[in-house]
PDB file of all heavy atoms in Angstrom:
ATOM      1  N   ASP A   1       6.162  12.063  17.663  1.00  0.00           N
ATOM      2  CA  ASP A   1       5.958  10.928  18.574  1.00  0.00           C
ATOM      3  C   ASP A   1       5.726   9.734  17.648  1.00  0.00           C
ATOM      4  O   ASP A   1       5.721   9.700  16.425  1.00  0.00           O
ATOM      5  CB  ASP A   1       4.710  11.159  19.453  1.00  0.00           C
ATOM      6  CG  ASP A   1       3.422  11.415  18.561  1.00  0.00           C
ATOM      7  OD1 ASP A   1       3.663  11.606  17.326  1.00  0.00           O
ATOM      8  OD2 ASP A   1       2.427  11.558  19.150  1.00  0.00           O
ATOM      9  N   THR A   2       5.613   8.588  18.411  1.00  0.00           N
ATOM     10  CA  THR A   2       5.568   7.171  17.747  1.00  0.00           C
ATOM     11  C   THR A   2       4.402   7.119  16.907  1.00  0.00           C
ATOM     12  O   THR A   2       4.377   6.558  15.806  1.00  0.00           O
ATOM     13  CB  THR A   2       5.666   6.128  18.787  1.00  0.00           C
ATOM     14  OG1 THR A   2       6.855   6.310  19.614  1.00  0.00           O
ATOM     15  CG2 THR A   2       5.735   4.743  18.122  1.00  0.00           C
ATOM     16  N   THR A   3       3.229   7.591  17.428  1.00  0.00           N
ATOM     17  CA  THR A   3       1.883   7.547  16.626  1.00  0.00           C
ATOM     18  C   THR A   3       1.974   8.226  15.313  1.00  0.00           C
ATOM     19  O   THR A   3       1.638   7.673  14.204  1.00  0.00           O
ATOM     20  CB  THR A   3       0.836   8.173  17.522  1.00  0.00           C
ATOM     21  OG1 THR A   3       0.796   7.338  18.733  1.00  0.00           O
ATOM     22  CG2 THR A   3      -0.548   7.930  16.825  1.00  0.00           C
ATOM     23  N   THR A   4       2.508   9.536  15.332  1.00  0.00           N
ATOM     24  CA  THR A   4       2.746  10.163  14.010  1.00  0.00           C
ATOM     25  C   THR A   4       3.602   9.447  13.123  1.00  0.00           C
ATOM     26  O   THR A   4       3.384   9.591  11.942  1.00  0.00           O
ATOM     27  CB  THR A   4       3.140  11.686  14.290  1.00  0.00           C
ATOM     28  OG1 THR A   4       2.242  12.275  15.362  1.00  0.00           O
ATOM     29  CG2 THR A   4       3.192  12.493  13.058  1.00  0.00           C
ATOM     30  N   PHE A   5       4.756   8.865  13.707  1.00  0.00           N
ATOM     31  CA  PHE A   5       5.657   8.252  12.782  1.00  0.00           C
ATOM     32  C   PHE A   5       5.068   7.016  12.160  1.00  0.00           C
ATOM     33  O   PHE A   5       5.225   6.780  10.994  1.00  0.00           O
ATOM     34  CB  PHE A   5       6.887   7.833  13.679  1.00  0.00           C
ATOM     35  CG  PHE A   5       7.946   7.017  12.852  1.00  0.00           C
ATOM     36  CD1 PHE A   5       8.707   7.579  11.967  1.00  0.00           C
ATOM     37  CD2 PHE A   5       7.999   5.695  13.084  1.00  0.00           C
ATOM     38  CE1 PHE A   5       9.683   6.824  11.193  1.00  0.00           C
ATOM     39  CE2 PHE A   5       8.957   5.012  12.319  1.00  0.00           C
ATOM     40  CZ  PHE A   5       9.783   5.535  11.419  1.00  0.00           C
ATOM     41  N   LEU A   6       4.301   6.265  12.941  1.00  0.00           N
ATOM     42  CA  LEU A   6       3.579   5.109  12.332  1.00  0.00           C
ATOM     43  C   LEU A   6       2.469   5.576  11.295  1.00  0.00           C
ATOM     44  O   LEU A   6       2.361   4.848  10.312  1.00  0.00           O
ATOM     45  CB  LEU A   6       3.056   4.314  13.336  1.00  0.00           C
ATOM     46  CG  LEU A   6       3.967   3.587  14.445  1.00  0.00           C
ATOM     47  CD1 LEU A   6       3.157   2.879  15.442  1.00  0.00           C
ATOM     48  CD2 LEU A   6       4.778   2.616  13.607  1.00  0.00           C
ATOM     49  N   PHE A   7       1.913   6.733  11.554  1.00  0.00           N
ATOM     50  CA  PHE A   7       0.948   7.203  10.695  1.00  0.00           C
ATOM     51  C   PHE A   7       1.554   7.617   9.273  1.00  0.00           C
ATOM     52  O   PHE A   7       0.917   7.228   8.192  1.00  0.00           O
ATOM     53  CB  PHE A   7       0.166   8.408  11.143  1.00  0.00           C
ATOM     54  CG  PHE A   7      -0.787   8.974  10.280  1.00  0.00           C
ATOM     55  CD1 PHE A   7      -2.106   8.621  10.080  1.00  0.00           C
ATOM     56  CD2 PHE A   7      -0.384  10.169   9.526  1.00  0.00           C
ATOM     57  CE1 PHE A   7      -2.899   9.144   9.229  1.00  0.00           C
ATOM     58  CE2 PHE A   7      -1.329  10.730   8.634  1.00  0.00           C
ATOM     59  CZ  PHE A   7      -2.509  10.165   8.464  1.00  0.00           C
ATOM     60  N   ILE A   8       2.610   8.093   9.306  1.00  0.00           N
ATOM     61  CA  ILE A   8       3.367   8.495   8.116  1.00  0.00           C
ATOM     62  C   ILE A   8       3.837   7.236   7.320  1.00  0.00           C
ATOM     63  O   ILE A   8       3.744   7.071   6.065  1.00  0.00           O
ATOM     64  CB  ILE A   8       4.636   9.481   8.420  1.00  0.00           C
ATOM     65  CG1 ILE A   8       4.157  10.689   8.989  1.00  0.00           C
ATOM     66  CG2 ILE A   8       5.539   9.576   7.162  1.00  0.00           C
ATOM     67  CD1 ILE A   8       5.269  11.568   9.418  1.00  0.00           C
ATOM     68  N   ILE A   9       4.265   6.191   8.117  1.00  0.00           N
ATOM     69  CA  ILE A   9       4.801   4.984   7.515  1.00  0.00           C
ATOM     70  C   ILE A   9       3.610   4.249   6.821  1.00  0.00           C
ATOM     71  O   ILE A   9       3.617   3.809   5.575  1.00  0.00           O
ATOM     72  CB  ILE A   9       5.433   4.030   8.601  1.00  0.00           C
ATOM     73  CG1 ILE A   9       6.757   4.721   9.040  1.00  0.00           C
ATOM     74  CG2 ILE A   9       5.768   2.695   7.961  1.00  0.00           C
ATOM     75  CD1 ILE A   9       7.828   4.852   8.005  1.00  0.00           C
ATOM     76  N   PHE A  10       2.592   4.067   7.539  1.00  0.00           N
ATOM     77  CA  PHE A  10       1.441   3.246   6.929  1.00  0.00           C
ATOM     78  C   PHE A  10       0.747   4.109   5.827  1.00  0.00           C
ATOM     79  O   PHE A  10       0.393   3.477   4.914  1.00  0.00           O
ATOM     80  CB  PHE A  10       0.350   2.916   8.056  1.00  0.00           C
ATOM     81  CG  PHE A  10       0.849   2.012   8.970  1.00  0.00           C
ATOM     82  CD1 PHE A  10       0.773   2.225  10.392  1.00  0.00           C
ATOM     83  CD2 PHE A  10       1.286   0.806   8.517  1.00  0.00           C
ATOM     84  CE1 PHE A  10       1.213   1.163  11.204  1.00  0.00           C
ATOM     85  CE2 PHE A  10       1.807  -0.333   9.462  1.00  0.00           C
ATOM     86  CZ  PHE A  10       1.803  -0.007  10.816  1.00  0.00           C
ATOM     87  N   SER A  11       0.756   5.383   5.850  1.00  0.00           N
ATOM     88  CA  SER A  11       0.130   6.217   4.828  1.00  0.00           C
ATOM     89  C   SER A  11       0.961   6.113   3.538  1.00  0.00           C
ATOM     90  O   SER A  11       0.505   5.899   2.497  1.00  0.00           O
ATOM     91  CB  SER A  11       0.079   7.630   5.298  1.00  0.00           C
ATOM     92  OG  SER A  11      -0.808   7.840   6.389  1.00  0.00           O
ATOM     93  N   ALA A  12       2.322   6.041   3.731  1.00  0.00           N
ATOM     94  CA  ALA A  12       3.241   5.956   2.618  1.00  0.00           C
ATOM     95  C   ALA A  12       3.078   4.506   1.915  1.00  0.00           C
ATOM     96  O   ALA A  12       2.966   4.297   0.743  1.00  0.00           O
ATOM     97  CB  ALA A  12       4.599   6.105   2.975  1.00  0.00           C
ATOM     98  N   VAL A  13       2.970   3.446   2.706  1.00  0.00           N
ATOM     99  CA  VAL A  13       2.856   2.088   2.216  1.00  0.00           C
ATOM    100  C   VAL A  13       1.509   2.017   1.503  1.00  0.00           C
ATOM    101  O   VAL A  13       1.327   1.372   0.537  1.00  0.00           O
ATOM    102  CB  VAL A  13       2.840   1.156   3.400  1.00  0.00           C
ATOM    103  CG1 VAL A  13       2.416  -0.226   2.872  1.00  0.00           C
ATOM    104  CG2 VAL A  13       4.282   1.055   3.897  1.00  0.00           C
ATOM    105  N   LEU A  14       0.415   2.708   2.011  1.00  0.00           N
ATOM    106  CA  LEU A  14      -0.889   2.672   1.445  1.00  0.00           C
ATOM    107  C   LEU A  14      -0.864   3.361   0.053  1.00  0.00           C
ATOM    108  O   LEU A  14      -1.434   2.836  -0.823  1.00  0.00           O
ATOM    109  CB  LEU A  14      -1.974   3.423   2.376  1.00  0.00           C
ATOM    110  CG  LEU A  14      -3.311   3.498   1.794  1.00  0.00           C
ATOM    111  CD1 LEU A  14      -3.910   2.135   1.526  1.00  0.00           C
ATOM    112  CD2 LEU A  14      -4.211   4.223   2.854  1.00  0.00           C
ATOM    113  N   LEU A  15      -0.189   4.473   0.005  1.00  0.00           N
ATOM    114  CA  LEU A  15      -0.163   5.310  -1.334  1.00  0.00           C
ATOM    115  C   LEU A  15       0.689   4.338  -2.356  1.00  0.00           C
ATOM    116  O   LEU A  15       0.202   4.295  -3.570  1.00  0.00           O
ATOM    117  CB  LEU A  15       0.485   6.494  -1.031  1.00  0.00           C
ATOM    118  CG  LEU A  15      -0.373   7.549  -0.317  1.00  0.00           C
ATOM    119  CD1 LEU A  15       0.385   8.852  -0.105  1.00  0.00           C
ATOM    120  CD2 LEU A  15      -1.667   7.836  -0.960  1.00  0.00           C
ATOM    121  N   VAL A  16       1.739   3.853  -1.948  1.00  0.00           N
ATOM    122  CA  VAL A  16       2.584   3.067  -2.828  1.00  0.00           C
ATOM    123  C   VAL A  16       1.731   1.862  -3.337  1.00  0.00           C
ATOM    124  O   VAL A  16       1.809   1.500  -4.569  1.00  0.00           O
ATOM    125  CB  VAL A  16       3.961   2.757  -2.237  1.00  0.00           C
ATOM    126  CG1 VAL A  16       4.770   1.725  -3.187  1.00  0.00           C
ATOM    127  CG2 VAL A  16       4.659   3.993  -1.957  1.00  0.00           C
ATOM    128  N   ALA A  17       1.145   1.182  -2.466  1.00  0.00           N
ATOM    129  CA  ALA A  17       0.441  -0.149  -2.746  1.00  0.00           C
ATOM    130  C   ALA A  17      -0.779   0.113  -3.653  1.00  0.00           C
ATOM    131  O   ALA A  17      -1.049  -0.392  -4.556  1.00  0.00           O
ATOM    132  CB  ALA A  17      -0.141  -0.748  -1.585  1.00  0.00           C
ATOM    133  N   ALA A  18      -1.374   1.448  -3.427  1.00  0.00           N
ATOM    134  CA  ALA A  18      -2.587   1.884  -4.247  1.00  0.00           C
ATOM    135  C   ALA A  18      -2.133   2.152  -5.779  1.00  0.00           C
ATOM    136  O   ALA A  18      -2.707   1.735  -6.740  1.00  0.00           O
ATOM    137  CB  ALA A  18      -3.305   3.038  -3.664  1.00  0.00           C
ATOM    138  N   VAL A  19      -0.891   2.862  -5.824  1.00  0.00           N
ATOM    139  CA  VAL A  19      -0.346   2.911  -7.192  1.00  0.00           C
ATOM    140  C   VAL A  19       0.044   1.791  -7.875  1.00  0.00           C
ATOM    141  O   VAL A  19      -0.257   1.545  -9.149  1.00  0.00           O
ATOM    142  CB  VAL A  19       0.792   4.031  -7.157  1.00  0.00           C
ATOM    143  CG1 VAL A  19       1.501   4.226  -8.399  1.00  0.00           C
ATOM    144  CG2 VAL A  19       0.367   5.432  -6.534  1.00  0.00           C
ATOM    145  N   ARG A  20       0.507   0.794  -7.218  1.00  0.00           N
ATOM    146  CA  ARG A  20       0.977  -0.521  -7.709  1.00  0.00           C
ATOM    147  C   ARG A  20      -0.255  -1.312  -8.229  1.00  0.00           C
ATOM    148  O   ARG A  20      -0.101  -2.135  -9.044  1.00  0.00           O
ATOM    149  CB  ARG A  20       1.799  -1.245  -6.821  1.00  0.00           C
ATOM    150  CG  ARG A  20       3.259  -0.537  -6.553  1.00  0.00           C
ATOM    151  CD  ARG A  20       4.067  -0.618  -7.907  1.00  0.00           C
ATOM    152  NE  ARG A  20       4.226  -1.995  -8.282  1.00  0.00           N
ATOM    153  CZ  ARG A  20       4.568  -2.262  -9.580  1.00  0.00           C
ATOM    154  NH1 ARG A  20       4.524  -1.418 -10.519  1.00  0.00           N
ATOM    155  NH2 ARG A  20       4.765  -3.677  -9.958  1.00  0.00           N
ATOM    156  N   VAL A  21      -1.324  -1.043  -7.558  1.00  0.00           N
ATOM    157  CA  VAL A  21      -2.619  -1.862  -7.965  1.00  0.00           C
ATOM    158  C   VAL A  21      -2.897  -1.455  -9.441  1.00  0.00           C
ATOM    159  O   VAL A  21      -3.443  -2.327 -10.134  1.00  0.00           O
ATOM    160  CB  VAL A  21      -3.589  -1.518  -6.930  1.00  0.00           C
ATOM    161  CG1 VAL A  21      -4.988  -2.114  -7.579  1.00  0.00           C
ATOM    162  CG2 VAL A  21      -3.430  -2.212  -5.634  1.00  0.00           C
ATOM    163  N   VAL A  22      -2.752  -0.255  -9.658  1.00  0.00           N
ATOM    164  CA  VAL A  22      -3.045   0.258 -11.117  1.00  0.00           C
ATOM    165  C   VAL A  22      -2.001   0.004 -12.097  1.00  0.00           C
ATOM    166  O   VAL A  22      -2.375  -0.326 -13.205  1.00  0.00           O
ATOM    167  CB  VAL A  22      -3.413   1.764 -11.091  1.00  0.00           C
ATOM    168  CG1 VAL A  22      -3.799   2.274 -12.412  1.00  0.00           C
ATOM    169  CG2 VAL A  22      -4.548   2.019  -9.879  1.00  0.00           C
ATOM    170  N   THR A  23      -0.738   0.133 -11.661  1.00  0.00           N
ATOM    171  CA  THR A  23       0.373  -0.046 -12.650  1.00  0.00           C
ATOM    172  C   THR A  23       1.036  -1.304 -12.737  1.00  0.00           C
ATOM    173  O   THR A  23       1.792  -1.628 -13.681  1.00  0.00           O
ATOM    174  CB  THR A  23       1.506   0.971 -12.261  1.00  0.00           C
ATOM    175  OG1 THR A  23       1.928   0.609 -10.809  1.00  0.00           O
ATOM    176  CG2 THR A  23       0.896   2.320 -12.177  1.00  0.00           C
ATOM    177  N   ALA A  24       0.619  -2.293 -11.812  1.00  0.00           N
ATOM    178  CA  ALA A  24       1.176  -3.742 -11.966  1.00  0.00           C
ATOM    179  C   ALA A  24       0.726  -4.393 -13.187  1.00  0.00           C
ATOM    180  O   ALA A  24      -0.425  -4.451 -13.554  1.00  0.00           O
ATOM    181  CB  ALA A  24       0.867  -4.527 -10.709  1.00  0.00           C
ATOM    182  N   ARG A  25       1.677  -5.090 -13.897  1.00  0.00           N
ATOM    183  CA  ARG A  25       1.399  -5.778 -15.106  1.00  0.00           C
ATOM    184  C   ARG A  25       0.784  -7.121 -14.869  1.00  0.00           C
ATOM    185  O   ARG A  25      -0.027  -7.620 -15.691  1.00  0.00           O
ATOM    186  CB  ARG A  25       2.614  -5.867 -16.051  1.00  0.00           C
ATOM    187  CG  ARG A  25       3.116  -4.461 -16.516  1.00  0.00           C
ATOM    188  CD  ARG A  25       4.320  -4.664 -17.387  1.00  0.00           C
ATOM    189  NE  ARG A  25       3.832  -5.225 -18.631  1.00  0.00           N
ATOM    190  CZ  ARG A  25       3.381  -4.599 -19.578  1.00  0.00           C
ATOM    191  NH1 ARG A  25       3.328  -3.232 -19.540  1.00  0.00           N
ATOM    192  NH2 ARG A  25       3.003  -5.040 -20.668  1.00  0.00           N
ATOM    193  N   ASN A  26       1.115  -7.656 -13.804  1.00  0.00           N
ATOM    194  CA  ASN A  26       0.575  -8.913 -13.435  1.00  0.00           C
ATOM    195  C   ASN A  26      -0.590  -8.851 -12.675  1.00  0.00           C
ATOM    196  O   ASN A  26      -0.672  -8.154 -11.474  1.00  0.00           O
ATOM    197  CB  ASN A  26       1.676  -9.843 -12.688  1.00  0.00           C
ATOM    198  CG  ASN A  26       1.287 -11.350 -12.583  1.00  0.00           C
ATOM    199  OD1 ASN A  26       0.125 -11.689 -12.510  1.00  0.00           O
ATOM    200  ND2 ASN A  26       2.304 -12.130 -12.469  1.00  0.00           N
ATOM    201  N   PRO A  27      -1.851  -9.397 -12.988  1.00  0.00           N
ATOM    202  CA  PRO A  27      -3.133  -9.298 -12.179  1.00  0.00           C
ATOM    203  C   PRO A  27      -2.898  -9.789 -10.879  1.00  0.00           C
ATOM    204  O   PRO A  27      -3.536  -9.276  -9.913  1.00  0.00           O
ATOM    205  CB  PRO A  27      -4.122  -9.908 -13.056  1.00  0.00           C
ATOM    206  CG  PRO A  27      -3.410 -10.775 -13.904  1.00  0.00           C
ATOM    207  CD  PRO A  27      -2.089 -10.185 -14.288  1.00  0.00           C
ATOM    208  N   VAL A  28      -2.268 -10.875 -10.635  1.00  0.00           N
ATOM    209  CA  VAL A  28      -2.056 -11.559  -9.320  1.00  0.00           C
ATOM    210  C   VAL A  28      -1.258 -10.569  -8.479  1.00  0.00           C
ATOM    211  O   VAL A  28      -1.567 -10.366  -7.193  1.00  0.00           O
ATOM    212  CB  VAL A  28      -1.332 -12.788  -9.456  1.00  0.00           C
ATOM    213  CG1 VAL A  28      -1.157 -13.417  -7.965  1.00  0.00           C
ATOM    214  CG2 VAL A  28      -2.171 -13.842 -10.319  1.00  0.00           C
ATOM    215  N   HIS A  29      -0.250  -9.849  -8.998  1.00  0.00           N
ATOM    216  CA  HIS A  29       0.515  -8.879  -8.197  1.00  0.00           C
ATOM    217  C   HIS A  29      -0.355  -7.772  -7.814  1.00  0.00           C
ATOM    218  O   HIS A  29      -0.266  -7.144  -6.785  1.00  0.00           O
ATOM    219  CB  HIS A  29       1.819  -8.525  -8.867  1.00  0.00           C
ATOM    220  CG  HIS A  29       2.706  -9.583  -9.171  1.00  0.00           C
ATOM    221  ND1 HIS A  29       3.867  -9.477  -9.907  1.00  0.00           N
ATOM    222  CD2 HIS A  29       2.829 -10.874  -8.603  1.00  0.00           C
ATOM    223  CE1 HIS A  29       4.479 -10.575 -10.087  1.00  0.00           C
ATOM    224  NE2 HIS A  29       3.968 -11.414  -9.136  1.00  0.00           N
ATOM    225  N   ALA A  30      -1.209  -7.329  -8.748  1.00  0.00           N
ATOM    226  CA  ALA A  30      -2.234  -6.161  -8.431  1.00  0.00           C
ATOM    227  C   ALA A  30      -3.115  -6.520  -7.236  1.00  0.00           C
ATOM    228  O   ALA A  30      -3.363  -5.734  -6.420  1.00  0.00           O
ATOM    229  CB  ALA A  30      -2.979  -5.862  -9.716  1.00  0.00           C
ATOM    230  N   VAL A  31      -3.668  -7.776  -7.265  1.00  0.00           N
ATOM    231  CA  VAL A  31      -4.447  -8.256  -6.162  1.00  0.00           C
ATOM    232  C   VAL A  31      -3.707  -8.187  -4.762  1.00  0.00           C
ATOM    233  O   VAL A  31      -4.254  -7.723  -3.764  1.00  0.00           O
ATOM    234  CB  VAL A  31      -5.038  -9.577  -6.414  1.00  0.00           C
ATOM    235  CG1 VAL A  31      -5.910 -10.109  -5.283  1.00  0.00           C
ATOM    236  CG2 VAL A  31      -5.922  -9.493  -7.645  1.00  0.00           C
ATOM    237  N   LEU A  32      -2.515  -8.784  -4.921  1.00  0.00           N
ATOM    238  CA  LEU A  32      -1.643  -8.807  -3.692  1.00  0.00           C
ATOM    239  C   LEU A  32      -1.394  -7.349  -3.119  1.00  0.00           C
ATOM    240  O   LEU A  32      -1.377  -7.023  -1.853  1.00  0.00           O
ATOM    241  CB  LEU A  32      -0.445  -9.570  -3.782  1.00  0.00           C
ATOM    242  CG  LEU A  32      -0.564 -11.022  -4.137  1.00  0.00           C
ATOM    243  CD1 LEU A  32       0.736 -11.750  -4.507  1.00  0.00           C
ATOM    244  CD2 LEU A  32      -1.404 -11.748  -2.941  1.00  0.00           C
ATOM    245  N   PHE A  33      -1.159  -6.394  -3.966  1.00  0.00           N
ATOM    246  CA  PHE A  33      -0.884  -5.056  -3.549  1.00  0.00           C
ATOM    247  C   PHE A  33      -2.141  -4.426  -2.990  1.00  0.00           C
ATOM    248  O   PHE A  33      -2.117  -3.563  -2.088  1.00  0.00           O
ATOM    249  CB  PHE A  33      -0.372  -4.182  -4.819  1.00  0.00           C
ATOM    250  CG  PHE A  33       1.110  -4.311  -5.091  1.00  0.00           C
ATOM    251  CD1 PHE A  33       1.547  -4.871  -6.228  1.00  0.00           C
ATOM    252  CD2 PHE A  33       1.940  -3.933  -4.139  1.00  0.00           C
ATOM    253  CE1 PHE A  33       2.916  -4.932  -6.439  1.00  0.00           C
ATOM    254  CE2 PHE A  33       3.407  -3.900  -4.335  1.00  0.00           C
ATOM    255  CZ  PHE A  33       3.885  -4.433  -5.519  1.00  0.00           C
ATOM    256  N   LEU A  34      -3.315  -4.750  -3.509  1.00  0.00           N
ATOM    257  CA  LEU A  34      -4.616  -4.383  -3.023  1.00  0.00           C
ATOM    258  C   LEU A  34      -4.841  -4.957  -1.591  1.00  0.00           C
ATOM    259  O   LEU A  34      -5.298  -4.130  -0.739  1.00  0.00           O
ATOM    260  CB  LEU A  34      -5.852  -4.750  -3.885  1.00  0.00           C
ATOM    261  CG  LEU A  34      -7.139  -4.208  -3.569  1.00  0.00           C
ATOM    262  CD1 LEU A  34      -7.055  -2.759  -3.530  1.00  0.00           C
ATOM    263  CD2 LEU A  34      -8.218  -4.726  -4.484  1.00  0.00           C
ATOM    264  N   VAL A  35      -4.479  -6.141  -1.444  1.00  0.00           N
ATOM    265  CA  VAL A  35      -4.479  -6.687  -0.009  1.00  0.00           C
ATOM    266  C   VAL A  35      -3.502  -5.983   0.854  1.00  0.00           C
ATOM    267  O   VAL A  35      -3.903  -5.598   2.017  1.00  0.00           O
ATOM    268  CB  VAL A  35      -4.151  -8.251  -0.024  1.00  0.00           C
ATOM    269  CG1 VAL A  35      -3.967  -8.665   1.412  1.00  0.00           C
ATOM    270  CG2 VAL A  35      -5.116  -8.983  -0.785  1.00  0.00           C
ATOM    271  N   LEU A  36      -2.342  -5.526   0.444  1.00  0.00           N
ATOM    272  CA  LEU A  36      -1.417  -4.758   1.247  1.00  0.00           C
ATOM    273  C   LEU A  36      -2.064  -3.328   1.590  1.00  0.00           C
ATOM    274  O   LEU A  36      -1.834  -2.899   2.670  1.00  0.00           O
ATOM    275  CB  LEU A  36      -0.167  -4.571   0.537  1.00  0.00           C
ATOM    276  CG  LEU A  36       1.024  -3.792   1.199  1.00  0.00           C
ATOM    277  CD1 LEU A  36       1.377  -4.288   2.634  1.00  0.00           C
ATOM    278  CD2 LEU A  36       2.236  -3.605   0.340  1.00  0.00           C
ATOM    279  N   SER A  37      -2.719  -2.653   0.516  1.00  0.00           N
ATOM    280  CA  SER A  37      -3.311  -1.372   0.835  1.00  0.00           C
ATOM    281  C   SER A  37      -4.527  -1.494   1.913  1.00  0.00           C
ATOM    282  O   SER A  37      -4.653  -0.703   2.689  1.00  0.00           O
ATOM    283  CB  SER A  37      -3.842  -0.975  -0.422  1.00  0.00           C
ATOM    284  OG  SER A  37      -4.847  -1.684  -0.921  1.00  0.00           O
ATOM    285  N   PHE A  38      -5.096  -2.679   1.937  1.00  0.00           N
ATOM    286  CA  PHE A  38      -6.214  -2.800   2.977  1.00  0.00           C
ATOM    287  C   PHE A  38      -5.635  -2.964   4.223  1.00  0.00           C
ATOM    288  O   PHE A  38      -6.170  -2.478   5.324  1.00  0.00           O
ATOM    289  CB  PHE A  38      -7.078  -4.018   2.523  1.00  0.00           C
ATOM    290  CG  PHE A  38      -8.085  -3.723   1.356  1.00  0.00           C
ATOM    291  CD1 PHE A  38      -8.513  -4.834   0.573  1.00  0.00           C
ATOM    292  CD2 PHE A  38      -8.623  -2.518   1.132  1.00  0.00           C
ATOM    293  CE1 PHE A  38      -9.421  -4.643  -0.414  1.00  0.00           C
ATOM    294  CE2 PHE A  38      -9.446  -2.230   0.206  1.00  0.00           C
ATOM    295  CZ  PHE A  38      -9.892  -3.293  -0.667  1.00  0.00           C
ATOM    296  N   PHE A  39      -4.601  -3.770   4.368  1.00  0.00           N
ATOM    297  CA  PHE A  39      -3.911  -3.956   5.692  1.00  0.00           C
ATOM    298  C   PHE A  39      -3.261  -2.532   6.206  1.00  0.00           C
ATOM    299  O   PHE A  39      -3.448  -2.330   7.322  1.00  0.00           O
ATOM    300  CB  PHE A  39      -2.713  -4.930   5.505  1.00  0.00           C
ATOM    301  CG  PHE A  39      -3.112  -6.271   5.846  1.00  0.00           C
ATOM    302  CD1 PHE A  39      -3.024  -7.330   4.739  1.00  0.00           C
ATOM    303  CD2 PHE A  39      -3.512  -6.755   7.019  1.00  0.00           C
ATOM    304  CE1 PHE A  39      -3.418  -8.563   5.092  1.00  0.00           C
ATOM    305  CE2 PHE A  39      -3.946  -8.054   7.365  1.00  0.00           C
ATOM    306  CZ  PHE A  39      -3.874  -8.987   6.313  1.00  0.00           C
ATOM    307  N   SER A  40      -2.899  -1.828   5.297  1.00  0.00           N
ATOM    308  CA  SER A  40      -2.220  -0.478   5.672  1.00  0.00           C
ATOM    309  C   SER A  40      -3.404   0.410   6.113  1.00  0.00           C
ATOM    310  O   SER A  40      -3.363   1.092   7.276  1.00  0.00           O
ATOM    311  CB  SER A  40      -1.522   0.159   4.615  1.00  0.00           C
ATOM    312  OG  SER A  40      -0.468  -0.605   4.163  1.00  0.00           O
TER     313      SER A  40
END
């Protein structure tokens, strides 16, 4: 259903953004990825 599909999408975005918070070389980019993870 739509709810499960949105759950998978937001979960994937959250995981990718959380990984980029740690691996981003620019600290400003890391903060922006953390904001994206909070939104997800």
